[in-house]
Amino acid sequence: VELGQSLYKEYNCRITYLPLDKWYQLAGIDVLIAMRDDFDPLKIEGSEPHLIKIAWLRNWFERWCSYERLSLFDIVFTSSELSAKYIQDKLKLPVRVLRIATNIRRFRHKSGLEEKENDYLFTGSYWGAPRDIVSCLIPSELSEYSGSIYGSGWNFHEPFRDIYKGFLPYEGLSRLYKKSQVVIDDANHVTKAFASVNSRVFDAIASGCLPITNGKLGALETFGTLLPTYDTKETLKIQLDKYLTNKSLLKDSVSKLYQVVLSKHTYDIRAREIRDVL
């Protein structure tokens, strides 16, 4: 939706979002962007002769690689350099990098105007798949800091019970990020090894708070050494102490990251990148 809004803003093109039962009914569509690996180009019905088919791989890269029909797309985008190389090596296809980004109009912060309610914040859901956050974030050992957790599935996780605040829709994250000092990022296990940085990181930075991520490869590829990382509960505690006890360091780090996001990682920029390729 964020990408679609930017494509409309930049080029005044008509954007259509297709539900599952209408995936393949593409009459009148000039450009298709498929974001799921179970989309089958051979099932397209009534398309225009000039239809351009784009696959945008943001996760499940190994699954996409096992998909024999990926070569039927005219353009393949992937969300990191590492995943692009993986696809190219496996399938010998030309691949371009189109990273995830942020909607700067939704998340842009106004420096100094937001009162911070949370020292640290985690937003994300738990569906039973492995998550580093389970072993790395121990609220009882961070009692000197205020924290909140939002998402689905955490109500049964006893260690999070005291700071669990329920589910919040995406539209509410901007307000939440702006009232937090640090956002803890738990990169998905299917993206972390491929250096794909998720929207939580870009949105948090745009909102004026500092992400601390377990996605070391993605942090390095996208932000160099600017984005702090963790891999254990001990290193997470070290990073929280480092930034939450030094407000000038925190502010300086967020400012540098914000400039990177503003100049390279907004969906308006992604819309122009897509247009350039087309």
C-alpha atoms as a PDB file:
ATOM      1  CA  VAL A   1       0.000   0.000   0.000  1.00  0.00           C
ATOM      2  CA  GLU A   2       2.829   2.416   0.860  1.00  0.00           C
ATOM      3  CA  LEU A   3       4.541   1.690  -2.460  1.00  0.00           C
ATOM      4  CA  GLY A   4       1.243   2.039  -4.315  1.00  0.00           C
ATOM      5  CA  GLN A   5       0.584   5.430  -2.742  1.00  0.00           C
ATOM      6  CA  SER A   6       3.990   6.658  -3.855  1.00  0.00           C
ATOM      7  CA  LEU A   7       3.531   5.347  -7.404  1.00  0.00           C
ATOM      8  CA  TYR A   8       0.228   7.215  -7.563  1.00  0.00           C
ATOM      9  CA  LYS A   9       1.757  10.395  -6.100  1.00  0.00           C
ATOM     10  CA  GLU A  10       4.767  10.364  -8.428  1.00  0.00           C
ATOM     11  CA  TYR A  11       3.101   9.261 -11.683  1.00  0.00           C
ATOM     12  CA  ASN A  12      -0.677   9.526 -11.218  1.00  0.00           C
ATOM     13  CA  CYS A  13      -1.067   5.886 -12.238  1.00  0.00           C
ATOM     14  CA  ARG A  14      -4.083   3.794 -11.273  1.00  0.00           C
ATOM     15  CA  ILE A  15      -3.244   1.295  -8.527  1.00  0.00           C
ATOM     16  CA  THR A  16      -5.238  -1.897  -7.984  1.00  0.00           C
ATOM     17  CA  TYR A  17      -4.782  -4.370  -5.111  1.00  0.00           C
ATOM     18  CA  LEU A  18      -5.950  -7.850  -6.030  1.00  0.00           C
ATOM     19  CA  PRO A  19      -7.460 -10.300  -3.523  1.00  0.00           C
ATOM     20  CA  LEU A  20      -6.534 -13.942  -3.838  1.00  0.00           C
ATOM     21  CA  ASP A  21      -9.617 -14.936  -5.845  1.00  0.00           C
ATOM     22  CA  LYS A  22      -8.855 -12.251  -8.463  1.00  0.00           C
ATOM     23  CA  TRP A  23      -5.090 -12.597  -8.714  1.00  0.00           C
ATOM     24  CA  TYR A  24      -5.125 -13.696 -12.333  1.00  0.00           C
ATOM     25  CA  GLN A  25      -7.829 -11.433 -13.757  1.00  0.00           C
ATOM     26  CA  LEU A  26      -5.514  -8.799 -15.198  1.00  0.00           C
ATOM     27  CA  ALA A  27      -7.510  -7.197 -18.014  1.00  0.00           C
ATOM     28  CA  GLY A  28      -6.597  -3.502 -18.219  1.00  0.00           C
ATOM     29  CA  ILE A  29      -3.436  -3.892 -16.113  1.00  0.00           C
ATOM     30  CA  ASP A  30      -0.170  -2.628 -17.603  1.00  0.00           C
ATOM     31  CA  VAL A  31       2.253  -3.593 -14.820  1.00  0.00           C
ATOM     32  CA  LEU A  32       1.867  -6.429 -12.322  1.00  0.00           C
ATOM     33  CA  ILE A  33       3.912  -6.569  -9.110  1.00  0.00           C
ATOM     34  CA  ALA A  34       3.706 -10.015  -7.478  1.00  0.00           C
ATOM     35  CA  MET A  35       4.943 -10.128  -3.877  1.00  0.00           C
ATOM     36  CA  ARG A  36       4.194 -13.772  -3.042  1.00  0.00           C
ATOM     37  CA  ASP A  37       6.019 -16.852  -4.251  1.00  0.00           C
ATOM     38  CA  ASP A  38       2.789 -18.765  -4.916  1.00  0.00           C
ATOM     39  CA  PHE A  39       1.719 -16.435  -7.744  1.00  0.00           C
ATOM     40  CA  ASP A  40       1.713 -18.420 -10.997  1.00  0.00           C
ATOM     41  CA  PRO A  41       2.144 -16.331 -14.185  1.00  0.00           C
ATOM     42  CA  LEU A  42       0.772 -19.208 -16.287  1.00  0.00           C
ATOM     43  CA  LYS A  43      -2.671 -18.689 -14.721  1.00  0.00           C
ATOM     44  CA  ILE A  44      -3.030 -15.081 -15.873  1.00  0.00           C
ATOM     45  CA  GLU A  45      -6.264 -14.489 -17.793  1.00  0.00           C
ATOM     46  CA  GLY A  46      -7.207 -11.808 -20.325  1.00  0.00           C
ATOM     47  CA  SER A  47      -4.082  -9.727 -19.856  1.00  0.00           C
ATOM     48  CA  GLU A  48      -2.926  -6.968 -22.158  1.00  0.00           C
ATOM     49  CA  PRO A  49      -0.261  -8.006 -24.725  1.00  0.00           C
ATOM     50  CA  HIS A  50       2.118  -5.456 -23.219  1.00  0.00           C
ATOM     51  CA  LEU A  51       1.664  -6.595 -19.579  1.00  0.00           C
ATOM     52  CA  ILE A  52       4.959  -6.285 -17.673  1.00  0.00           C
ATOM     53  CA  LYS A  53       5.276  -8.874 -14.912  1.00  0.00           C
ATOM     54  CA  ILE A  54       7.424  -7.954 -11.904  1.00  0.00           C
ATOM     55  CA  ALA A  55       8.320 -10.256  -9.018  1.00  0.00           C
ATOM     56  CA  TRP A  56       9.402  -8.450  -5.839  1.00  0.00           C
ATOM     57  CA  LEU A  57      11.151 -10.872  -3.480  1.00  0.00           C
ATOM     58  CA  ARG A  58      11.278  -9.542   0.102  1.00  0.00           C
ATOM     59  CA  ASN A  59      11.411 -12.837   2.014  1.00  0.00           C
ATOM     60  CA  TRP A  60      11.330 -16.634   1.517  1.00  0.00           C
ATOM     61  CA  PHE A  61      14.226 -16.375  -0.934  1.00  0.00           C
ATOM     62  CA  GLU A  62      14.984 -20.105  -0.880  1.00  0.00           C
ATOM     63  CA  ARG A  63      11.344 -20.865  -1.609  1.00  0.00           C
ATOM     64  CA  TRP A  64      11.305 -18.379  -4.480  1.00  0.00           C
ATOM     65  CA  CYS A  65      14.473 -20.059  -5.795  1.00  0.00           C
ATOM     66  CA  SER A  66      12.786 -23.454  -5.887  1.00  0.00           C
ATOM     67  CA  TYR A  67       9.979 -21.919  -7.927  1.00  0.00           C
ATOM     68  CA  GLU A  68      10.540 -22.930 -11.540  1.00  0.00           C
ATOM     69  CA  ARG A  69       8.310 -20.164 -12.941  1.00  0.00           C
ATOM     70  CA  LEU A  70      10.285 -17.224 -11.567  1.00  0.00           C
ATOM     71  CA  SER A  71      11.905 -16.977 -15.009  1.00  0.00           C
ATOM     72  CA  LEU A  72       8.489 -16.125 -16.486  1.00  0.00           C
ATOM     73  CA  PHE A  73       8.579 -12.681 -14.896  1.00  0.00           C
ATOM     74  CA  ASP A  74       9.969  -9.849 -17.004  1.00  0.00           C
ATOM     75  CA  ILE A  75      11.681  -8.153 -14.050  1.00  0.00           C
ATOM     76  CA  VAL A  76      12.870  -9.662 -10.766  1.00  0.00           C
ATOM     77  CA  PHE A  77      13.473  -7.352  -7.806  1.00  0.00           C
ATOM     78  CA  THR A  78      14.852  -8.521  -4.489  1.00  0.00           C
ATOM     79  CA  SER A  79      15.293  -6.619  -1.240  1.00  0.00           C
ATOM     80  CA  SER A  80      19.053  -6.946  -0.676  1.00  0.00           C
ATOM     81  CA  GLU A  81      22.341  -7.360  -2.518  1.00  0.00           C
ATOM     82  CA  LEU A  82      22.962 -10.688  -0.794  1.00  0.00           C
ATOM     83  CA  SER A  83      19.611 -12.153  -1.826  1.00  0.00           C
ATOM     84  CA  ALA A  84      20.112 -10.833  -5.378  1.00  0.00           C
ATOM     85  CA  LYS A  85      23.425 -12.681  -5.620  1.00  0.00           C
ATOM     86  CA  TYR A  86      21.775 -15.818  -4.225  1.00  0.00           C
ATOM     87  CA  ILE A  87      19.033 -15.747  -6.874  1.00  0.00           C
ATOM     88  CA  GLN A  88      21.498 -14.988  -9.657  1.00  0.00           C
ATOM     89  CA  ASP A  89      23.796 -17.839  -8.640  1.00  0.00           C
ATOM     90  CA  LYS A  90      20.952 -20.316  -8.312  1.00  0.00           C
ATOM     91  CA  LEU A  91      18.826 -19.453 -11.336  1.00  0.00           C
ATOM     92  CA  LYS A  92      21.142 -17.425 -13.590  1.00  0.00           C
ATOM     93  CA  LEU A  93      18.512 -14.701 -13.835  1.00  0.00           C
ATOM     94  CA  PRO A  94      19.140 -10.950 -13.956  1.00  0.00           C
ATOM     95  CA  VAL A  95      18.081  -9.514 -10.602  1.00  0.00           C
ATOM     96  CA  ARG A  96      17.804  -5.896  -9.446  1.00  0.00           C
ATOM     97  CA  VAL A  97      17.775  -4.684  -5.838  1.00  0.00           C
ATOM     98  CA  LEU A  98      14.634  -2.887  -4.625  1.00  0.00           C
ATOM     99  CA  ARG A  99      14.841  -2.561  -0.865  1.00  0.00           C
ATOM    100  CA  ILE A 100      11.931  -2.194   1.512  1.00  0.00           C
ATOM    101  CA  ALA A 101      11.500   1.441   2.619  1.00  0.00           C
ATOM    102  CA  THR A 102       9.266   3.819   4.589  1.00  0.00           C
ATOM    103  CA  ASN A 103       6.433   6.203   3.854  1.00  0.00           C
ATOM    104  CA  ILE A 104       8.079   9.414   5.028  1.00  0.00           C
ATOM    105  CA  ARG A 105       4.757  11.287   4.980  1.00  0.00           C
ATOM    106  CA  ARG A 106       3.303   8.856   7.515  1.00  0.00           C
ATOM    107  CA  PHE A 107       6.328   8.452   9.772  1.00  0.00           C
ATOM    108  CA  ARG A 108       8.295  11.730   9.551  1.00  0.00           C
ATOM    109  CA  HIS A 109       9.009  12.998  13.058  1.00  0.00           C
ATOM    110  CA  LYS A 110       9.202  16.589  14.291  1.00  0.00           C
ATOM    111  CA  SER A 111      12.330  16.798  16.377  1.00  0.00           C
ATOM    112  CA  GLY A 112      11.834  17.569  20.050  1.00  0.00           C
ATOM    113  CA  LEU A 113       8.028  17.730  19.937  1.00  0.00           C
ATOM    114  CA  GLU A 114       7.226  14.194  21.062  1.00  0.00           C
ATOM    115  CA  GLU A 115       7.340  13.175  24.701  1.00  0.00           C
ATOM    116  CA  LYS A 116       8.953   9.745  25.000  1.00  0.00           C
ATOM    117  CA  GLU A 117       6.876   7.200  26.903  1.00  0.00           C
ATOM    118  CA  ASN A 118       8.959   4.088  26.227  1.00  0.00           C
ATOM    119  CA  ASP A 119      12.664   3.585  26.663  1.00  0.00           C
ATOM    120  CA  TYR A 120      12.399   0.507  24.482  1.00  0.00           C
ATOM    121  CA  LEU A 121       9.668  -0.879  22.270  1.00  0.00           C
ATOM    122  CA  PHE A 122       9.094  -4.083  20.341  1.00  0.00           C
ATOM    123  CA  THR A 123       6.379  -4.489  17.717  1.00  0.00           C
ATOM    124  CA  GLY A 124       5.817  -7.845  16.041  1.00  0.00           C
ATOM    125  CA  SER A 125       3.769 -10.989  16.321  1.00  0.00           C
ATOM    126  CA  TYR A 126       4.491 -14.530  17.412  1.00  0.00           C
ATOM    127  CA  TRP A 127       3.115 -17.412  15.326  1.00  0.00           C
ATOM    128  CA  GLY A 128       5.246 -20.212  16.777  1.00  0.00           C
ATOM    129  CA  ALA A 129       8.205 -19.769  14.410  1.00  0.00           C
ATOM    130  CA  PRO A 130      11.667 -19.249  15.954  1.00  0.00           C
ATOM    131  CA  ARG A 131      12.294 -15.666  17.110  1.00  0.00           C
ATOM    132  CA  ASP A 132      15.469 -14.310  18.686  1.00  0.00           C
ATOM    133  CA  ILE A 133      13.437 -11.858  20.730  1.00  0.00           C
ATOM    134  CA  VAL A 134      12.194 -14.710  22.940  1.00  0.00           C
ATOM    135  CA  SER A 135      15.655 -15.448  24.321  1.00  0.00           C
ATOM    136  CA  CYS A 136      17.202 -11.987  23.992  1.00  0.00           C
ATOM    137  CA  LEU A 137      14.594  -9.674  25.489  1.00  0.00           C
ATOM    138  CA  ILE A 138      14.111 -10.370  29.203  1.00  0.00           C
ATOM    139  CA  PRO A 139      12.035  -7.493  30.625  1.00  0.00           C
ATOM    140  CA  SER A 140      12.616  -8.559  34.232  1.00  0.00           C
ATOM    141  CA  GLU A 141      16.345  -7.940  33.711  1.00  0.00           C
ATOM    142  CA  LEU A 142      15.708  -4.448  32.302  1.00  0.00           C
ATOM    143  CA  SER A 143      13.740  -3.040  35.221  1.00  0.00           C
ATOM    144  CA  GLU A 144      15.586   0.290  35.076  1.00  0.00           C
ATOM    145  CA  TYR A 145      13.957   0.990  31.701  1.00  0.00           C
ATOM    146  CA  SER A 146      10.341   1.386  30.650  1.00  0.00           C
ATOM    147  CA  GLY A 147       9.256  -0.918  27.847  1.00  0.00           C
ATOM    148  CA  SER A 148       6.239  -1.964  25.802  1.00  0.00           C
ATOM    149  CA  ILE A 149       5.482  -4.884  23.483  1.00  0.00           C
ATOM    150  CA  TYR A 150       2.737  -4.840  20.863  1.00  0.00           C
ATOM    151  CA  GLY A 151       1.650  -7.671  18.563  1.00  0.00           C
ATOM    152  CA  SER A 152      -0.340 -10.870  18.353  1.00  0.00           C
ATOM    153  CA  GLY A 153       0.439 -14.108  20.171  1.00  0.00           C
ATOM    154  CA  TRP A 154       2.530 -12.742  23.036  1.00  0.00           C
ATOM    155  CA  ASN A 155      -0.241 -12.915  25.638  1.00  0.00           C
ATOM    156  CA  PHE A 156       0.780 -16.518  26.352  1.00  0.00           C
ATOM    157  CA  HIS A 157       4.470 -15.692  26.747  1.00  0.00           C
ATOM    158  CA  GLU A 158       4.892 -15.263  30.499  1.00  0.00           C
ATOM    159  CA  PRO A 159       8.103 -13.120  30.501  1.00  0.00           C
ATOM    160  CA  PHE A 160       6.367 -10.444  28.391  1.00  0.00           C
ATOM    161  CA  ARG A 161       3.133 -10.329  30.355  1.00  0.00           C
ATOM    162  CA  ASP A 162       3.841  -7.186  32.397  1.00  0.00           C
ATOM    163  CA  ILE A 163       4.733  -5.010  29.403  1.00  0.00           C
ATOM    164  CA  TYR A 164       2.492  -6.587  26.747  1.00  0.00           C
ATOM    165  CA  LYS A 165       0.016  -3.993  25.424  1.00  0.00           C
ATOM    166  CA  GLY A 166      -1.933  -6.025  22.858  1.00  0.00           C
ATOM    167  CA  PHE A 167      -2.227  -5.672  19.085  1.00  0.00           C
ATOM    168  CA  LEU A 168      -1.860  -2.382  17.234  1.00  0.00           C
ATOM    169  CA  PRO A 169      -2.663  -1.939  13.517  1.00  0.00           C
ATOM    170  CA  TYR A 170       0.063  -0.649  11.214  1.00  0.00           C
ATOM    171  CA  GLU A 171      -1.586   2.759  11.009  1.00  0.00           C
ATOM    172  CA  GLY A 172      -0.941   3.259  14.731  1.00  0.00           C
ATOM    173  CA  LEU A 173       2.784   2.535  14.651  1.00  0.00           C
ATOM    174  CA  SER A 174       3.834   6.054  13.705  1.00  0.00           C
ATOM    175  CA  ARG A 175       2.449   7.506  16.933  1.00  0.00           C
ATOM    176  CA  LEU A 176       3.966   4.654  18.937  1.00  0.00           C
ATOM    177  CA  TYR A 177       7.447   4.962  17.413  1.00  0.00           C
ATOM    178  CA  LYS A 178       7.496   8.710  17.938  1.00  0.00           C
ATOM    179  CA  LYS A 179       6.933   8.160  21.651  1.00  0.00           C
ATOM    180  CA  SER A 180       9.790   5.642  22.011  1.00  0.00           C
ATOM    181  CA  GLN A 181      13.543   6.026  22.409  1.00  0.00           C
ATOM    182  CA  VAL A 182      14.609   2.654  21.014  1.00  0.00           C
ATOM    183  CA  VAL A 183      12.856   0.077  18.844  1.00  0.00           C
ATOM    184  CA  ILE A 184      14.153  -3.482  19.150  1.00  0.00           C
ATOM    185  CA  ASP A 185      14.145  -5.193  15.775  1.00  0.00           C
ATOM    186  CA  ASP A 186      13.792  -8.965  15.545  1.00  0.00           C
ATOM    187  CA  ALA A 187      14.642  -9.778  11.932  1.00  0.00           C
ATOM    188  CA  ASN A 188      12.607 -12.698  10.617  1.00  0.00           C
ATOM    189  CA  HIS A 189      14.507 -15.991  10.433  1.00  0.00           C
ATOM    190  CA  VAL A 190      13.718 -16.276   6.705  1.00  0.00           C
ATOM    191  CA  THR A 191      15.229 -12.852   5.895  1.00  0.00           C
ATOM    192  CA  LYS A 192      18.075 -12.388   8.391  1.00  0.00           C
ATOM    193  CA  ALA A 193      20.576 -14.595   6.558  1.00  0.00           C
ATOM    194  CA  PHE A 194      19.872 -12.742   3.302  1.00  0.00           C
ATOM    195  CA  ALA A 195      20.462  -9.192   4.640  1.00  0.00           C
ATOM    196  CA  SER A 196      16.899  -8.052   3.984  1.00  0.00           C
ATOM    197  CA  VAL A 197      15.990  -5.140   6.274  1.00  0.00           C
ATOM    198  CA  ASN A 198      12.318  -5.020   7.248  1.00  0.00           C
ATOM    199  CA  SER A 199       9.971  -2.057   7.349  1.00  0.00           C
ATOM    200  CA  ARG A 200      10.188  -1.805  11.155  1.00  0.00           C
ATOM    201  CA  VAL A 201      13.744  -0.495  10.883  1.00  0.00           C
ATOM    202  CA  PHE A 202      13.022   2.129   8.211  1.00  0.00           C
ATOM    203  CA  ASP A 203       9.774   3.245   9.867  1.00  0.00           C
ATOM    204  CA  ALA A 204      11.374   3.561  13.305  1.00  0.00           C
ATOM    205  CA  ILE A 205      14.238   5.680  11.979  1.00  0.00           C
ATOM    206  CA  ALA A 206      11.817   7.903  10.048  1.00  0.00           C
ATOM    207  CA  SER A 207       9.872   8.384  13.287  1.00  0.00           C
ATOM    208  CA  GLY A 208      12.940   9.569  15.168  1.00  0.00           C
ATOM    209  CA  CYS A 209      13.834   6.562  17.277  1.00  0.00           C
ATOM    210  CA  LEU A 210      16.803   4.204  17.172  1.00  0.00           C
ATOM    211  CA  PRO A 211      16.427   0.575  16.043  1.00  0.00           C
ATOM    212  CA  ILE A 212      18.685  -2.050  17.574  1.00  0.00           C
ATOM    213  CA  THR A 213      18.626  -5.083  15.292  1.00  0.00           C
ATOM    214  CA  ASN A 214      19.658  -8.723  15.280  1.00  0.00           C
ATOM    215  CA  GLY A 215      19.924  -8.528  11.487  1.00  0.00           C
ATOM    216  CA  LYS A 216      23.657  -7.839  11.325  1.00  0.00           C
ATOM    217  CA  LEU A 217      24.077  -8.571   7.620  1.00  0.00           C
ATOM    218  CA  GLY A 218      21.232  -6.283   6.644  1.00  0.00           C
ATOM    219  CA  ALA A 219      22.414  -3.527   8.987  1.00  0.00           C
ATOM    220  CA  LEU A 220      25.881  -3.594   7.461  1.00  0.00           C
ATOM    221  CA  GLU A 221      24.709  -3.786   3.851  1.00  0.00           C
ATOM    222  CA  THR A 222      22.151  -0.991   4.171  1.00  0.00           C
ATOM    223  CA  PHE A 223      23.538   1.329   6.861  1.00  0.00           C
ATOM    224  CA  GLY A 224      27.217   0.482   7.177  1.00  0.00           C
ATOM    225  CA  THR A 225      28.242   0.725  10.828  1.00  0.00           C
ATOM    226  CA  LEU A 226      25.539   3.234  11.829  1.00  0.00           C
ATOM    227  CA  LEU A 227      22.891   0.745  12.998  1.00  0.00           C
ATOM    228  CA  PRO A 228      23.555  -0.983  16.371  1.00  0.00           C
ATOM    229  CA  THR A 229      23.106  -4.756  16.526  1.00  0.00           C
ATOM    230  CA  TYR A 230      22.693  -7.543  19.068  1.00  0.00           C
ATOM    231  CA  ASP A 231      22.751 -11.345  19.038  1.00  0.00           C
ATOM    232  CA  THR A 232      22.280 -12.324  22.705  1.00  0.00           C
ATOM    233  CA  LYS A 233      20.482 -10.935  25.722  1.00  0.00           C
ATOM    234  CA  GLU A 234      23.849  -9.713  26.980  1.00  0.00           C
ATOM    235  CA  THR A 235      24.677  -7.732  23.836  1.00  0.00           C
ATOM    236  CA  LEU A 236      21.138  -6.320  23.713  1.00  0.00           C
ATOM    237  CA  LYS A 237      21.535  -5.099  27.306  1.00  0.00           C
ATOM    238  CA  ILE A 238      24.893  -3.545  26.437  1.00  0.00           C
ATOM    239  CA  GLN A 239      23.369  -1.653  23.516  1.00  0.00           C
ATOM    240  CA  LEU A 240      20.378  -0.476  25.548  1.00  0.00           C
ATOM    241  CA  ASP A 241      22.671   0.780  28.305  1.00  0.00           C
ATOM    242  CA  LYS A 242      24.940   2.491  25.769  1.00  0.00           C
ATOM    243  CA  TYR A 243      22.219   4.525  24.097  1.00  0.00           C
ATOM    244  CA  LEU A 244      19.618   4.997  26.837  1.00  0.00           C
ATOM    245  CA  THR A 245      22.170   6.428  29.261  1.00  0.00           C
ATOM    246  CA  ASN A 246      23.712   8.787  26.702  1.00  0.00           C
ATOM    247  CA  LYS A 247      21.007  10.949  25.146  1.00  0.00           C
ATOM    248  CA  SER A 248      23.436  12.947  22.998  1.00  0.00           C
ATOM    249  CA  LEU A 249      24.787   9.728  21.458  1.00  0.00           C
ATOM    250  CA  LEU A 250      21.241   8.496  20.920  1.00  0.00           C
ATOM    251  CA  LYS A 251      20.191  11.740  19.239  1.00  0.00           C
ATOM    252  CA  ASP A 252      23.297  11.841  17.041  1.00  0.00           C
ATOM    253  CA  SER A 253      22.849   8.210  15.944  1.00  0.00           C
ATOM    254  CA  VAL A 254      19.193   8.731  15.046  1.00  0.00           C
ATOM    255  CA  SER A 255      20.047  11.918  13.140  1.00  0.00           C
ATOM    256  CA  LYS A 256      22.645  10.159  10.980  1.00  0.00           C
ATOM    257  CA  LEU A 257      20.352   7.227  10.248  1.00  0.00           C
ATOM    258  CA  TYR A 258      17.470   9.576   9.477  1.00  0.00           C
ATOM    259  CA  GLN A 259      19.504  11.324   6.794  1.00  0.00           C
ATOM    260  CA  VAL A 260      20.312   7.964   5.195  1.00  0.00           C
ATOM    261  CA  VAL A 261      16.637   6.956   5.167  1.00  0.00           C
ATOM    262  CA  LEU A 262      15.489  10.331   3.883  1.00  0.00           C
ATOM    263  CA  SER A 263      17.992  10.301   1.008  1.00  0.00           C
ATOM    264  CA  LYS A 264      17.845   6.615   0.045  1.00  0.00           C
ATOM    265  CA  HIS A 265      14.987   4.644   1.584  1.00  0.00           C
ATOM    266  CA  THR A 266      11.565   6.210   1.106  1.00  0.00           C
ATOM    267  CA  TYR A 267       8.794   4.738  -1.033  1.00  0.00           C
ATOM    268  CA  ASP A 268       8.807   7.861  -3.218  1.00  0.00           C
ATOM    269  CA  ILE A 269      12.394   6.920  -4.097  1.00  0.00           C
ATOM    270  CA  ARG A 270      11.335   3.291  -4.698  1.00  0.00           C
ATOM    271  CA  ALA A 271       8.588   4.471  -7.056  1.00  0.00           C
ATOM    272  CA  ARG A 272      11.180   6.372  -9.085  1.00  0.00           C
ATOM    273  CA  GLU A 273      13.500   3.356  -9.086  1.00  0.00           C
ATOM    274  CA  ILE A 274      10.711   1.176 -10.496  1.00  0.00           C
ATOM    275  CA  ARG A 275       9.885   3.800 -13.118  1.00  0.00           C
ATOM    276  CA  ASP A 276      13.559   3.998 -14.156  1.00  0.00           C
ATOM    277  CA  VAL A 277      13.679   0.230 -14.697  1.00  0.00           C
ATOM    278  CA  LEU A 278      10.404   0.208 -16.630  1.00  0.00           C
END
